[in-house]
Amino acid sequence: MRVLFGGARYTAELAWTDLAAALPGWEITTCPPDQVIEHLDGVDVICPVGARIEGAVLAAGTFGLVHQFGVGLEKVDAARATELGVLVARVPGDAGGNADSVAEIAVLHLLALSRRLAAAQAALAEGRWEARPTGTSLHGATVVIVGLGTIGLAVAGRLAPFGTRLLGVRARPGLGGPAEVELVTGPDELPGLLAMADAVICCAMFTGSNAGMFGTAEFSAMKPGALFINVARGGLVDEDALLAALESGRLGGAGLDVHSREPADPSSALLRHPLVLATPHVGGLTGQMFRRTGQVFAANVQRWARGEPLLWAVNSPAFRRGPIDLR
């Protein structure tokens, strides 16, 4: 059996072949994200990573499963996969540890921005003790978490001990939230919550239909000087509108771990803005996440190969392409 990963490595320090012990008897192969269609011979399972698995790729292969190493499936044509008998699955953030890792980087960005870490480091490096910046404490601050899925809930659990006031927005507000979240509303009530927020953390699932959900109107609705953090997907934010809000002084800073185009252009006006803290989509890149997700991913892939019901599938093809039973 052969699995193809749409990326050379997980990180510079961790290779996909490091999963070999969890996938005994499987051949692990890799290719650049834009060359998947050229590496389909003998492939049974595709793990997209950051590759696009569109109709042409799906039709060109004989693989029967597309399984993401994490949550994001916005680059996979699940409808076409269903037509071709290809199952599509993901690893939920709470099952693989991704939610914990991403929540931590959200808090990192929030702390660094609120305490003006870059300015403090510059004052120290330049010997300008009198220029030490005045930061803002998270204690008593109002933080709006947009998206109360596994990542949003993990963020809430980490911010509550700081003494923050937490408000939440989710697609189905009737589901409510944990006790530490004071109020949970639907997307229609987002503008009112933005006006109360000292910081907004975007943890929403990207569906395509919510592209640009944070644009000029949303940034204009935010409290002057508020902070904005995105650890979800870059497509949720109109980056031109974000830059304009920063340049006008409407926002006090932005923390971006995800970007509309990845790899992001480090020379862009947004990423070079002094009020922006940007990281290269490293929220989930921890050794713990790799090991936990690797075990869950491998177990589910082998479950599929044995013809057993697949966990966390997002489609239900009428027939199944690929091997049925290897026992």
Protein backbone atom coordinates (compact mmCIF):
# COMPACT_ATOMS: atom_id res chain seq x y z
CA MET A 1 0.00 0.00 0.00
CA ARG A 2 1.22 3.46 -0.82
CA VAL A 3 0.36 6.85 0.69
CA LEU A 4 1.36 10.10 -0.98
CA PHE A 5 1.90 13.30 1.00
CA GLY A 6 1.51 16.57 -0.91
CA GLY A 7 4.57 18.18 0.62
CA ALA A 8 8.19 17.18 1.12
CA ARG A 9 8.17 17.32 4.92
CA TYR A 10 5.96 18.21 7.87
CA THR A 11 8.62 20.65 9.10
CA ALA A 12 12.35 21.03 8.55
CA GLU A 13 12.89 18.81 11.60
CA LEU A 14 10.15 16.23 10.97
CA ALA A 15 9.72 14.09 7.86
CA TRP A 16 6.61 12.21 6.72
CA THR A 17 8.71 9.04 6.75
CA ASP A 18 8.86 9.47 10.54
CA LEU A 19 5.34 8.00 10.47
CA ALA A 20 6.66 4.67 9.17
CA ALA A 21 6.36 2.94 12.55
CA ALA A 22 2.65 3.84 12.68
CA LEU A 23 2.11 2.57 9.12
CA PRO A 24 3.84 -0.82 8.99
CA GLY A 25 3.88 -2.31 5.51
CA TRP A 26 3.02 1.00 3.85
CA GLU A 27 5.23 2.89 1.43
CA ILE A 28 5.38 6.58 2.28
CA THR A 29 6.02 8.86 -0.69
CA THR A 30 6.08 12.63 -1.07
CA CYS A 31 5.92 15.25 -3.78
CA PRO A 32 5.70 19.05 -4.09
CA PRO A 33 2.15 20.38 -3.56
CA ASP A 34 1.80 21.38 -7.21
CA GLN A 35 2.95 18.01 -8.60
CA VAL A 36 0.49 15.55 -7.08
CA ILE A 37 -1.01 14.59 -10.44
CA GLU A 38 2.43 13.52 -11.65
CA HIS A 39 3.00 11.11 -8.74
CA LEU A 40 -0.20 9.05 -8.66
CA ASP A 41 1.10 5.70 -9.95
CA GLY A 42 0.35 3.01 -7.39
CA VAL A 43 -0.98 5.50 -4.84
CA ASP A 44 -3.79 4.22 -2.61
CA VAL A 45 -4.17 7.19 -0.26
CA ILE A 46 -3.45 10.88 -0.70
CA CYS A 47 -2.73 13.18 2.22
CA PRO A 48 -3.11 16.66 0.71
CA VAL A 49 -1.23 18.66 3.35
CA GLY A 50 -1.24 21.94 1.36
CA ALA A 51 -1.92 20.51 -2.11
CA ARG A 52 -5.06 21.08 -4.14
CA ILE A 53 -6.91 17.86 -4.84
CA GLU A 54 -9.19 18.99 -7.64
CA GLY A 55 -11.24 17.09 -10.18
CA ALA A 56 -8.33 16.43 -12.53
CA VAL A 57 -6.25 14.86 -9.77
CA LEU A 58 -9.17 12.78 -8.52
CA ALA A 59 -9.95 11.48 -12.00
CA ALA A 60 -6.33 10.72 -12.87
CA GLY A 61 -5.67 8.32 -10.00
CA THR A 62 -6.95 5.03 -8.68
CA PHE A 63 -6.61 5.98 -5.01
CA GLY A 64 -9.67 5.53 -2.84
CA LEU A 65 -9.05 7.88 0.07
CA VAL A 66 -8.08 11.52 0.54
CA HIS A 67 -7.19 11.97 4.20
CA GLN A 68 -5.99 15.30 5.53
CA PHE A 69 -3.33 15.48 8.24
CA GLY A 70 -5.50 17.86 10.22
CA VAL A 71 -8.75 19.69 9.60
CA GLY A 72 -8.46 21.81 6.46
CA LEU A 73 -10.20 20.44 3.38
CA GLU A 74 -10.92 23.68 1.54
CA LYS A 75 -8.53 22.64 -1.25
CA VAL A 76 -10.23 19.25 -1.79
CA ASP A 77 -13.11 18.85 -4.24
CA ALA A 78 -15.19 16.61 -1.97
CA ALA A 79 -18.19 16.66 -4.33
CA ARG A 80 -16.16 15.29 -7.24
CA ALA A 81 -14.51 12.76 -4.91
CA THR A 82 -17.96 11.49 -3.94
CA GLU A 83 -18.90 11.01 -7.58
CA LEU A 84 -15.74 8.98 -8.16
CA GLY A 85 -16.15 6.79 -5.07
CA VAL A 86 -13.29 8.42 -3.18
CA LEU A 87 -13.71 8.91 0.55
CA VAL A 88 -12.54 12.18 2.09
CA ALA A 89 -11.63 12.45 5.77
CA ARG A 90 -9.94 14.75 8.24
CA VAL A 91 -8.49 14.59 11.76
CA PRO A 92 -10.50 16.81 14.17
CA GLY A 93 -8.46 19.26 16.18
CA ASP A 94 -9.33 17.65 19.50
CA ALA A 95 -8.38 14.16 18.28
CA GLY A 96 -4.96 15.07 16.92
CA GLY A 97 -3.83 17.85 19.24
CA ASN A 98 -4.01 20.55 16.57
CA ALA A 99 -6.49 22.60 18.59
CA ASP A 100 -4.14 22.75 21.57
CA SER A 101 -1.18 23.86 19.47
CA VAL A 102 -3.13 26.49 17.52
CA ALA A 103 -4.74 27.84 20.68
CA GLU A 104 -1.30 28.35 22.18
CA ILE A 105 -0.09 30.43 19.26
CA ALA A 106 -3.26 32.51 19.42
CA VAL A 107 -2.45 33.32 23.04
CA LEU A 108 1.18 33.98 22.09
CA HIS A 109 0.10 36.56 19.51
CA LEU A 110 -2.37 38.15 21.91
CA LEU A 111 0.17 38.47 24.71
CA ALA A 112 2.92 39.76 22.43
CA LEU A 113 0.66 42.41 20.93
CA SER A 114 -1.01 43.50 24.14
CA ARG A 115 2.33 43.86 25.95
CA ARG A 116 3.94 45.42 22.85
CA LEU A 117 6.75 42.91 22.88
CA ALA A 118 8.47 44.15 19.71
CA ALA A 119 8.68 47.73 21.02
CA ALA A 120 9.92 46.50 24.39
CA GLN A 121 12.66 44.43 22.77
CA ALA A 122 13.66 47.38 20.59
CA ALA A 123 13.91 49.68 23.63
CA LEU A 124 16.18 47.18 25.35
CA ALA A 125 18.33 46.52 22.29
CA GLU A 126 18.79 50.24 21.63
CA GLY A 127 19.47 51.10 25.26
CA ARG A 128 16.46 53.43 25.39
CA TRP A 129 15.13 52.52 28.83
CA GLU A 130 12.94 55.63 28.87
CA ALA A 131 11.20 54.38 25.71
CA ARG A 132 9.79 51.27 27.34
CA PRO A 133 6.22 50.88 26.02
CA THR A 134 3.06 50.86 28.10
CA GLY A 135 1.33 47.54 27.56
CA THR A 136 -2.21 46.37 28.21
CA SER A 137 -3.14 43.60 30.62
CA LEU A 138 -5.44 40.78 29.61
CA HIS A 139 -7.02 40.92 33.05
CA GLY A 140 -10.42 42.54 32.62
CA ALA A 141 -10.08 42.79 28.84
CA THR A 142 -12.96 41.69 26.62
CA VAL A 143 -11.96 39.11 24.02
CA VAL A 144 -14.33 37.94 21.29
CA ILE A 145 -13.63 34.47 19.94
CA VAL A 146 -15.14 34.01 16.48
CA GLY A 147 -15.66 30.30 15.94
CA LEU A 148 -16.26 28.08 18.97
CA GLY A 149 -15.10 24.83 17.43
CA THR A 150 -12.29 22.80 18.92
CA ILE A 151 -9.74 25.61 18.46
CA GLY A 152 -12.02 28.35 19.77
CA LEU A 153 -12.89 26.29 22.82
CA ALA A 154 -9.21 25.60 23.45
CA VAL A 155 -8.48 29.33 23.21
CA ALA A 156 -11.26 30.08 25.72
CA GLY A 157 -9.87 27.55 28.17
CA ARG A 158 -6.45 29.17 28.03
CA LEU A 159 -7.62 32.77 28.29
CA ALA A 160 -10.06 32.32 31.17
CA PRO A 161 -7.31 32.07 33.83
CA PHE A 162 -6.02 35.49 32.75
CA GLY A 163 -9.23 37.04 34.01
CA THR A 164 -10.49 38.01 30.57
CA ARG A 165 -14.14 38.53 29.74
CA LEU A 166 -14.88 36.07 26.94
CA LEU A 167 -17.61 36.41 24.32
CA GLY A 168 -18.18 33.90 21.53
CA VAL A 169 -19.63 33.76 18.03
CA ARG A 170 -20.56 30.50 16.35
CA ALA A 171 -22.63 29.41 13.37
CA ARG A 172 -25.04 27.53 15.64
CA PRO A 173 -25.33 29.68 18.76
CA GLY A 174 -27.90 27.29 20.22
CA LEU A 175 -25.03 24.95 21.02
CA GLY A 176 -23.85 27.49 23.56
CA GLY A 177 -20.38 27.36 24.99
CA PRO A 178 -18.37 26.56 28.10
CA ALA A 179 -18.99 28.32 31.39
CA GLU A 180 -16.05 30.67 30.92
CA VAL A 181 -17.68 32.21 27.82
CA GLU A 182 -20.15 34.78 29.10
CA LEU A 183 -22.20 35.16 25.92
CA VAL A 184 -22.51 33.15 22.70
CA THR A 185 -24.22 34.68 19.66
CA GLY A 186 -24.65 33.93 15.98
CA PRO A 187 -22.78 35.63 13.11
CA ASP A 188 -25.60 38.17 12.63
CA GLU A 189 -24.76 39.70 15.99
CA LEU A 190 -21.02 39.92 15.34
CA PRO A 191 -20.94 43.72 14.77
CA GLY A 192 -22.33 44.40 18.23
CA LEU A 193 -19.73 42.18 19.87
CA LEU A 194 -16.91 43.72 17.84
CA ALA A 195 -17.78 47.12 19.31
CA MET A 196 -17.13 45.73 22.80
CA ALA A 197 -13.94 43.86 22.03
CA ASP A 198 -10.45 44.78 23.16
CA ALA A 199 -9.30 41.86 21.04
CA VAL A 200 -10.86 39.57 18.43
CA ILE A 201 -9.51 36.11 17.71
CA CYS A 202 -10.66 34.44 14.51
CA CYS A 203 -10.91 30.66 14.89
CA ALA A 204 -13.71 30.11 12.37
CA MET A 205 -13.88 27.20 9.94
CA PHE A 206 -13.29 28.38 6.37
CA THR A 207 -16.13 27.20 4.15
CA GLY A 208 -15.64 29.31 1.05
CA SER A 209 -19.01 30.97 1.54
CA ASN A 210 -17.54 32.97 4.45
CA ALA A 211 -14.53 34.26 2.50
CA GLY A 212 -13.65 37.78 3.57
CA MET A 213 -15.91 37.67 6.61
CA PHE A 214 -13.59 40.22 8.19
CA GLY A 215 -13.55 43.24 5.92
CA THR A 216 -13.96 47.01 6.03
CA ALA A 217 -17.32 46.91 7.84
CA GLU A 218 -16.09 44.52 10.53
CA PHE A 219 -12.86 46.39 11.21
CA SER A 220 -14.78 49.67 11.31
CA ALA A 221 -17.12 48.18 13.90
CA MET A 222 -14.26 47.30 16.25
CA LYS A 223 -13.33 49.42 19.21
CA PRO A 224 -10.53 51.90 18.38
CA GLY A 225 -7.18 50.38 19.27
CA ALA A 226 -8.50 46.82 19.41
CA LEU A 227 -6.31 43.88 18.44
CA PHE A 228 -7.16 41.37 15.71
CA ILE A 229 -5.72 37.85 15.55
CA ASN A 230 -6.28 35.23 12.87
CA VAL A 231 -5.27 31.62 13.47
CA ALA A 232 -7.96 30.09 11.23
CA ARG A 233 -7.53 30.63 7.48
CA GLY A 234 -6.25 33.62 5.54
CA GLY A 235 -9.25 33.58 3.21
CA LEU A 236 -11.49 34.74 6.06
CA VAL A 237 -9.85 38.17 6.03
CA ASP A 238 -9.81 40.95 3.47
CA GLU A 239 -6.14 41.80 3.93
CA ASP A 240 -6.41 45.15 2.11
CA ALA A 241 -9.13 46.19 4.55
CA LEU A 242 -7.01 44.99 7.47
CA LEU A 243 -4.05 47.05 6.28
CA ALA A 244 -6.25 50.10 5.88
CA ALA A 245 -7.61 49.66 9.42
CA LEU A 246 -4.06 49.49 10.78
CA GLU A 247 -2.85 52.48 8.80
CA SER A 248 -5.84 54.58 9.88
CA GLY A 249 -5.15 53.78 13.52
CA ARG A 250 -8.48 52.02 13.91
CA LEU A 251 -6.74 48.84 15.03
CA GLY A 252 -3.95 48.69 17.56
CA GLY A 253 -2.32 45.63 16.06
CA ALA A 254 -2.81 42.38 14.20
CA GLY A 255 -1.44 38.90 14.77
CA LEU A 256 -1.48 36.69 11.69
CA ASP A 257 -0.45 33.06 11.61
CA VAL A 258 -2.41 32.42 8.39
CA HIS A 259 -2.41 34.38 5.16
CA SER A 260 -4.51 34.79 2.04
CA ARG A 261 -1.64 33.40 -0.02
CA GLU A 262 0.79 30.90 1.35
CA PRO A 263 3.75 31.02 1.30
CA ALA A 264 3.10 34.65 2.20
CA ASP A 265 5.11 37.47 0.66
CA PRO A 266 7.36 38.82 3.44
CA SER A 267 7.79 42.09 1.54
CA SER A 268 4.07 42.87 1.46
CA ALA A 269 2.94 46.12 3.04
CA LEU A 270 0.78 44.21 5.52
CA LEU A 271 3.50 41.94 6.83
CA ARG A 272 5.97 44.82 7.03
CA HIS A 273 3.59 47.02 9.00
CA PRO A 274 5.02 47.83 12.45
CA LEU A 275 1.78 46.86 14.18
CA VAL A 276 1.67 43.37 12.65
CA LEU A 277 3.05 40.25 14.26
CA ALA A 278 3.18 37.56 11.59
CA THR A 279 4.22 33.92 11.69
CA PRO A 280 4.36 31.43 8.78
CA HIS A 281 1.33 29.23 9.60
CA VAL A 282 3.09 27.45 12.44
CA GLY A 283 0.12 27.17 14.80
CA GLY A 284 -0.15 23.42 14.44
CA LEU A 285 3.53 22.73 13.93
CA THR A 286 4.50 21.11 17.20
CA GLY A 287 6.07 17.75 17.86
CA GLN A 288 3.12 16.80 20.03
CA MET A 289 0.64 17.54 17.25
CA PHE A 290 2.70 15.58 14.72
CA ARG A 291 2.88 12.50 16.93
CA ARG A 292 -0.76 12.56 18.07
CA THR A 293 -2.17 13.31 14.65
CA GLY A 294 0.18 10.79 13.08
CA GLN A 295 -1.15 8.00 15.27
CA VAL A 296 -4.78 8.93 14.61
CA PHE A 297 -4.19 9.44 10.88
CA ALA A 298 -2.40 6.10 10.53
CA ALA A 299 -5.07 4.21 12.46
CA ASN A 300 -7.82 5.65 10.29
CA VAL A 301 -5.97 4.94 7.04
CA GLN A 302 -5.49 1.32 8.08
CA ARG A 303 -9.14 1.12 9.08
CA TRP A 304 -10.05 2.16 5.54
CA ALA A 305 -7.65 -0.37 4.02
CA ARG A 306 -9.32 -3.16 6.00
CA GLY A 307 -12.73 -2.14 4.72
CA GLU A 308 -13.89 -0.91 8.11
CA PRO A 309 -16.02 2.21 8.66
CA LEU A 310 -13.91 5.35 8.41
CA LEU A 311 -13.87 7.91 11.18
CA TRP A 312 -14.39 11.61 10.43
CA ALA A 313 -15.36 11.14 6.78
CA VAL A 314 -16.99 14.21 5.24
CA ASN A 315 -18.68 12.38 2.35
CA SER A 316 -20.54 9.14 1.65
CA PRO A 317 -19.88 7.80 -1.87
CA ALA A 318 -22.42 5.34 -3.26
CA PHE A 319 -19.56 3.01 -4.17
CA ARG A 320 -15.97 2.69 -3.09
CA ARG A 321 -12.88 3.01 -5.27
CA GLY A 322 -9.73 1.28 -4.06
CA PRO A 323 -8.91 -1.83 -2.02
CA ILE A 324 -11.66 -3.39 0.03
CA ASP A 325 -10.02 -5.84 2.40
CA LEU A 326 -6.38 -6.69 3.04
CA ARG A 327 -6.95 -9.12 5.91
